[in-house]
Amino acid sequence: MQFFALLRRNTEKFTDADFTPLLPSEAEQRRALYAQGVVRQIWNRGDMPGSGLMFEAESETAIRQHLATLPLVKADMMDVVAVVPLSPYPGFGPRA
């Protein structure tokens, strides 16, 4: 099943300088999740600092466990705004 996770940086409590030391390990963990086939795509948000991640997993619980491995989430510097389960759009399927 696919899920979309929407994250935002906690810029109210942390400055850009606070984020900088954790960014290499954040990128490495995201690469690891991608290599495992858990993360399918990653985008940077255009409306505020943060990102969107497309996941493939069995449950929302599994997604939240994967998100908890991200260094910025661990440090409370990144908030998980939403984890949304997705289902296929039927408009592209066969017509009855």
N, C-alpha and C. Protein backbone atom coordinates (compact mmCIF):
# COMPACT_ATOMS: atom_id res chain seq x y z
N MET A 1 0.84 -1.16 0.00
CA MET A 1 0.00 0.00 0.00
C MET A 1 0.89 1.23 0.00
N GLN A 2 0.42 2.30 -0.66
CA GLN A 2 1.20 3.53 -0.70
C GLN A 2 0.65 4.56 0.29
N PHE A 3 1.59 5.35 0.81
CA PHE A 3 1.28 6.41 1.76
C PHE A 3 2.07 7.65 1.37
N PHE A 4 1.50 8.80 1.65
CA PHE A 4 2.22 10.06 1.47
C PHE A 4 2.41 10.68 2.84
N ALA A 5 3.66 10.99 3.17
CA ALA A 5 3.97 11.64 4.45
C ALA A 5 4.39 13.08 4.17
N LEU A 6 3.78 13.99 4.88
CA LEU A 6 4.08 15.41 4.75
C LEU A 6 4.80 15.86 6.02
N LEU A 7 6.00 16.41 5.86
CA LEU A 7 6.82 16.83 6.99
C LEU A 7 7.14 18.32 6.86
N ARG A 8 7.37 18.95 8.02
CA ARG A 8 7.81 20.35 8.00
C ARG A 8 8.86 20.54 9.07
N ARG A 9 9.82 21.40 8.75
CA ARG A 9 10.86 21.72 9.71
C ARG A 9 10.27 22.56 10.83
N ASN A 10 10.73 22.30 12.02
CA ASN A 10 10.27 23.02 13.20
C ASN A 10 11.10 24.31 13.32
N THR A 11 10.80 25.28 12.44
CA THR A 11 11.57 26.52 12.39
C THR A 11 11.22 27.49 13.52
N GLU A 12 10.16 27.19 14.26
CA GLU A 12 9.83 28.04 15.41
C GLU A 12 10.83 27.85 16.55
N LYS A 13 11.37 26.65 16.67
CA LYS A 13 12.28 26.33 17.77
C LYS A 13 13.74 26.26 17.34
N PHE A 14 14.00 26.10 16.03
CA PHE A 14 15.36 25.87 15.56
C PHE A 14 15.71 26.80 14.40
N THR A 15 16.98 27.21 14.34
CA THR A 15 17.47 28.07 13.27
C THR A 15 18.08 27.21 12.16
N ASP A 16 18.36 27.82 11.02
CA ASP A 16 19.03 27.10 9.93
C ASP A 16 20.35 26.51 10.41
N ALA A 17 21.06 27.25 11.24
CA ALA A 17 22.34 26.76 11.77
C ALA A 17 22.16 25.52 12.63
N ASP A 18 21.03 25.40 13.30
CA ASP A 18 20.76 24.20 14.11
C ASP A 18 20.57 22.96 13.23
N PHE A 19 19.97 23.16 12.07
CA PHE A 19 19.69 22.04 11.18
C PHE A 19 20.95 21.52 10.48
N THR A 20 21.85 22.43 10.16
CA THR A 20 23.01 22.11 9.30
C THR A 20 23.79 20.87 9.72
N PRO A 21 24.15 20.69 10.99
CA PRO A 21 24.95 19.50 11.34
C PRO A 21 24.23 18.17 11.11
N LEU A 22 22.89 18.16 11.13
CA LEU A 22 22.15 16.91 10.97
C LEU A 22 21.79 16.59 9.52
N LEU A 23 21.97 17.53 8.61
CA LEU A 23 21.53 17.31 7.22
C LEU A 23 22.25 16.16 6.51
N PRO A 24 23.58 15.98 6.68
CA PRO A 24 24.20 14.82 6.03
C PRO A 24 23.64 13.47 6.51
N SER A 25 23.44 13.32 7.81
CA SER A 25 22.90 12.05 8.32
C SER A 25 21.42 11.90 7.93
N GLU A 26 20.69 12.99 7.83
CA GLU A 26 19.30 12.94 7.36
C GLU A 26 19.26 12.43 5.92
N ALA A 27 20.11 12.99 5.07
CA ALA A 27 20.16 12.56 3.66
C ALA A 27 20.56 11.10 3.56
N GLU A 28 21.52 10.68 4.37
CA GLU A 28 21.96 9.28 4.34
C GLU A 28 20.85 8.32 4.75
N GLN A 29 20.09 8.66 5.78
CA GLN A 29 19.00 7.79 6.22
C GLN A 29 17.89 7.75 5.17
N ARG A 30 17.62 8.87 4.52
CA ARG A 30 16.62 8.87 3.45
C ARG A 30 17.07 7.98 2.30
N ARG A 31 18.38 8.05 1.96
CA ARG A 31 18.92 7.17 0.92
C ARG A 31 18.76 5.70 1.32
N ALA A 32 19.00 5.40 2.58
CA ALA A 32 18.88 4.01 3.06
C ALA A 32 17.44 3.53 2.93
N LEU A 33 16.47 4.37 3.30
CA LEU A 33 15.05 3.98 3.16
C LEU A 33 14.67 3.80 1.69
N TYR A 34 15.24 4.63 0.83
CA TYR A 34 14.99 4.48 -0.61
C TYR A 34 15.59 3.16 -1.12
N ALA A 35 16.82 2.87 -0.70
CA ALA A 35 17.48 1.64 -1.12
C ALA A 35 16.74 0.39 -0.65
N GLN A 36 16.07 0.49 0.50
CA GLN A 36 15.27 -0.63 1.02
C GLN A 36 13.96 -0.80 0.26
N GLY A 37 13.60 0.18 -0.57
CA GLY A 37 12.34 0.11 -1.30
C GLY A 37 11.16 0.63 -0.51
N VAL A 38 11.42 1.24 0.64
CA VAL A 38 10.35 1.76 1.49
C VAL A 38 9.91 3.13 1.00
N VAL A 39 10.88 3.99 0.73
CA VAL A 39 10.60 5.32 0.17
C VAL A 39 10.70 5.23 -1.34
N ARG A 40 9.67 5.70 -2.01
CA ARG A 40 9.63 5.67 -3.48
C ARG A 40 10.05 7.00 -4.10
N GLN A 41 9.64 8.10 -3.49
CA GLN A 41 9.98 9.42 -4.01
C GLN A 41 10.06 10.40 -2.84
N ILE A 42 10.85 11.47 -3.05
CA ILE A 42 11.00 12.51 -2.04
C ILE A 42 10.96 13.86 -2.74
N TRP A 43 10.22 14.78 -2.18
CA TRP A 43 10.17 16.14 -2.69
C TRP A 43 10.47 17.12 -1.57
N ASN A 44 11.05 18.26 -1.91
CA ASN A 44 11.11 19.39 -0.98
C ASN A 44 9.82 20.17 -1.13
N ARG A 45 9.30 20.65 -0.03
CA ARG A 45 8.08 21.45 -0.08
C ARG A 45 8.39 22.81 -0.68
N GLY A 46 7.45 23.34 -1.45
CA GLY A 46 7.61 24.66 -2.04
C GLY A 46 6.97 25.75 -1.22
N ASP A 47 6.15 25.39 -0.25
CA ASP A 47 5.43 26.39 0.54
C ASP A 47 6.11 26.73 1.86
N MET A 48 6.97 25.85 2.35
CA MET A 48 7.67 26.06 3.62
C MET A 48 8.79 25.04 3.71
N PRO A 49 9.73 25.21 4.63
CA PRO A 49 10.78 24.21 4.79
C PRO A 49 10.19 22.87 5.24
N GLY A 50 10.52 21.84 4.52
CA GLY A 50 10.02 20.50 4.83
C GLY A 50 10.06 19.64 3.58
N SER A 51 9.38 18.52 3.64
CA SER A 51 9.41 17.60 2.51
C SER A 51 8.16 16.73 2.47
N GLY A 52 8.00 16.07 1.35
CA GLY A 52 6.96 15.07 1.16
C GLY A 52 7.61 13.79 0.72
N LEU A 53 7.20 12.68 1.29
CA LEU A 53 7.79 11.39 0.95
C LEU A 53 6.68 10.40 0.58
N MET A 54 6.87 9.72 -0.52
CA MET A 54 5.97 8.65 -0.95
C MET A 54 6.55 7.34 -0.44
N PHE A 55 5.75 6.62 0.33
CA PHE A 55 6.17 5.36 0.94
C PHE A 55 5.40 4.18 0.36
N GLU A 56 6.01 3.03 0.42
CA GLU A 56 5.37 1.75 0.12
C GLU A 56 5.53 0.90 1.37
N ALA A 57 4.42 0.56 2.03
CA ALA A 57 4.48 -0.22 3.27
C ALA A 57 3.14 -0.85 3.55
N GLU A 58 3.11 -1.72 4.53
CA GLU A 58 1.89 -2.45 4.89
C GLU A 58 0.92 -1.64 5.74
N SER A 59 1.44 -0.66 6.49
CA SER A 59 0.56 0.05 7.41
C SER A 59 1.11 1.42 7.75
N GLU A 60 0.23 2.26 8.29
CA GLU A 60 0.66 3.57 8.76
C GLU A 60 1.64 3.42 9.92
N THR A 61 1.44 2.42 10.74
CA THR A 61 2.35 2.17 11.85
C THR A 61 3.77 1.95 11.33
N ALA A 62 3.90 1.17 10.26
CA ALA A 62 5.22 0.92 9.67
C ALA A 62 5.83 2.22 9.15
N ILE A 63 5.01 3.06 8.53
CA ILE A 63 5.50 4.34 8.02
C ILE A 63 6.03 5.20 9.17
N ARG A 64 5.26 5.28 10.22
CA ARG A 64 5.68 6.10 11.37
C ARG A 64 6.96 5.55 12.00
N GLN A 65 7.13 4.24 11.98
CA GLN A 65 8.38 3.66 12.49
C GLN A 65 9.56 4.07 11.61
N HIS A 66 9.37 4.07 10.30
CA HIS A 66 10.42 4.49 9.38
C HIS A 66 10.73 5.98 9.56
N LEU A 67 9.70 6.80 9.69
CA LEU A 67 9.91 8.23 9.89
C LEU A 67 10.67 8.49 11.18
N ALA A 68 10.45 7.69 12.19
CA ALA A 68 11.13 7.86 13.48
C ALA A 68 12.62 7.60 13.38
N THR A 69 13.09 6.99 12.29
CA THR A 69 14.53 6.76 12.11
C THR A 69 15.25 7.97 11.53
N LEU A 70 14.51 8.96 11.06
CA LEU A 70 15.13 10.14 10.46
C LEU A 70 15.73 11.02 11.57
N PRO A 71 16.99 11.42 11.43
CA PRO A 71 17.64 12.21 12.47
C PRO A 71 16.90 13.50 12.84
N LEU A 72 16.32 14.20 11.87
CA LEU A 72 15.60 15.43 12.19
C LEU A 72 14.32 15.15 12.97
N VAL A 73 13.67 14.04 12.68
CA VAL A 73 12.48 13.66 13.44
C VAL A 73 12.89 13.26 14.85
N LYS A 74 13.95 12.49 14.97
CA LYS A 74 14.46 12.07 16.28
C LYS A 74 14.78 13.27 17.16
N ALA A 75 15.33 14.33 16.55
CA ALA A 75 15.74 15.51 17.30
C ALA A 75 14.60 16.50 17.51
N ASP A 76 13.39 16.13 17.09
CA ASP A 76 12.21 17.00 17.21
C ASP A 76 12.36 18.28 16.38
N MET A 77 13.19 18.20 15.34
CA MET A 77 13.41 19.35 14.46
C MET A 77 12.53 19.27 13.22
N MET A 78 11.91 18.12 13.00
CA MET A 78 11.02 17.91 11.86
C MET A 78 9.73 17.32 12.39
N ASP A 79 8.61 17.97 12.04
CA ASP A 79 7.29 17.50 12.47
C ASP A 79 6.64 16.68 11.36
N VAL A 80 6.03 15.58 11.72
CA VAL A 80 5.22 14.80 10.77
C VAL A 80 3.83 15.41 10.79
N VAL A 81 3.49 16.13 9.74
CA VAL A 81 2.22 16.83 9.66
C VAL A 81 1.08 15.86 9.36
N ALA A 82 1.35 14.91 8.45
CA ALA A 82 0.31 13.95 8.07
C ALA A 82 0.94 12.72 7.45
N VAL A 83 0.28 11.58 7.66
CA VAL A 83 0.57 10.34 6.94
C VAL A 83 -0.75 9.92 6.32
N VAL A 84 -0.80 9.95 4.99
CA VAL A 84 -2.06 9.75 4.28
C VAL A 84 -2.00 8.45 3.48
N PRO A 85 -2.92 7.50 3.74
CA PRO A 85 -2.98 6.30 2.90
C PRO A 85 -3.58 6.67 1.54
N LEU A 86 -3.04 6.08 0.50
CA LEU A 86 -3.49 6.37 -0.86
C LEU A 86 -4.10 5.12 -1.49
N SER A 87 -5.11 5.34 -2.31
CA SER A 87 -5.71 4.24 -3.06
C SER A 87 -5.71 4.63 -4.54
N PRO A 88 -5.74 3.66 -5.44
CA PRO A 88 -5.67 3.96 -6.86
C PRO A 88 -6.85 4.82 -7.32
N TYR A 89 -6.57 5.69 -8.27
CA TYR A 89 -7.60 6.52 -8.89
C TYR A 89 -8.34 5.65 -9.91
N PRO A 90 -9.66 5.48 -9.76
CA PRO A 90 -10.40 4.57 -10.64
C PRO A 90 -10.66 5.12 -12.04
N GLY A 91 -10.44 6.40 -12.26
CA GLY A 91 -10.76 7.01 -13.54
C GLY A 91 -9.93 6.50 -14.71
N PHE A 92 -8.79 5.87 -14.43
CA PHE A 92 -7.95 5.35 -15.50
C PHE A 92 -8.20 3.86 -15.76
N GLY A 93 -9.08 3.26 -14.98
CA GLY A 93 -9.37 1.83 -15.13
C GLY A 93 -10.34 1.58 -16.27
N PRO A 94 -10.69 0.32 -16.49
CA PRO A 94 -11.64 -0.02 -17.55
C PRO A 94 -13.01 0.59 -17.29
N ARG A 95 -13.67 0.98 -18.36
CA ARG A 95 -15.01 1.54 -18.23
C ARG A 95 -16.03 0.41 -18.22
N ALA A 96 -16.98 0.54 -17.32
CA ALA A 96 -18.00 -0.52 -17.19
C ALA A 96 -19.08 -0.38 -18.25
